[in-house]
């Protein structure tokens, strides 16, 4: 069964992800701030907002009293139990390479059924790349931080064609090994489907398997092992001309996870390891020269980590 047929027939499997709602693609098209640009040394950086999902707060903070969660969320102007979350991709470009970090949720032109309602899953990354005049054929490298659907769904088109045919794909070997072993049997069926359709076929393409911690993938881009959310998740430390950017992927789903390291999310595979990873990345980020890009924070997810008396605090860029 092809991807479109699977999604149409088995769309209720999206219940394995507690998505409440998707901001429709037609509305996303009207948003003018789906693209954010900045520089890190020689790298021209562009953050693209692929999609916006709405999550339940109870899934973001599973071991915390709901009243305490609501009190803390009010600081972020969230007064309900629903947390809007962007999905992003980060593009890095210099004189020799064009590097895409994470590929978005992807695109399906047939409806998906979720809780009795139909919607069309239309990630905006392809449209946004085109808007910026960036050819998919010109992307030299794609780095996949881990294999959840919102990060890998755009590797192949809905017709099964490789979206970035000239790219080398970089991923941690632990992530590949996990999803291609019996260890992944307990994972949601939808996750497995996305891996089978977007990752497994890459074995016939140009793939660089990252092994070990703090490995330079490309000049100025270093992978940092960040397990816990998944077995082989990586963060990325991007450095050029004494400027640094830490791309934290899904190590933190909300700024409150930086302040409260013990607050767990239902999306992490291994909570104790996730906490160790959080501490590791916060130590890396808590200096005056490092900016941070967070996948699920308010778009464009740019900010810094401040050290405070009892730990750390997220500060959005102004």
Foldseek 3Di string as FASTA:
>chain_A
DAPQVCQAVPLQLCVLPQWDDWDAPVVVVVDPPQWDWDDFAQKTKIKGFFTKTKHFQCQQFVPDDPVVVQVVCVVVVDNDRIDIWTFIWMWIDGPPAIEIEFFFLAFHPDWGAHPNDTDGDGTCPVVVCVVVVHQLQRHAEYEQQAQANGRFNRCAHSVLHGSNQNYEYEFAVQRVVCLPDPVCVPRRPVSNVSCVRGPVVCVPPHYDHDDDAQDDPDVQKTWGAQAFLHRGGTWIWGHHPLAIEIEPEVLDQEQVCQVPVQRDHNNTPHSVSSSVSSQVVLVVFADDRYWYAYRTYPPPRIFGWHADDRGIGTDHDD
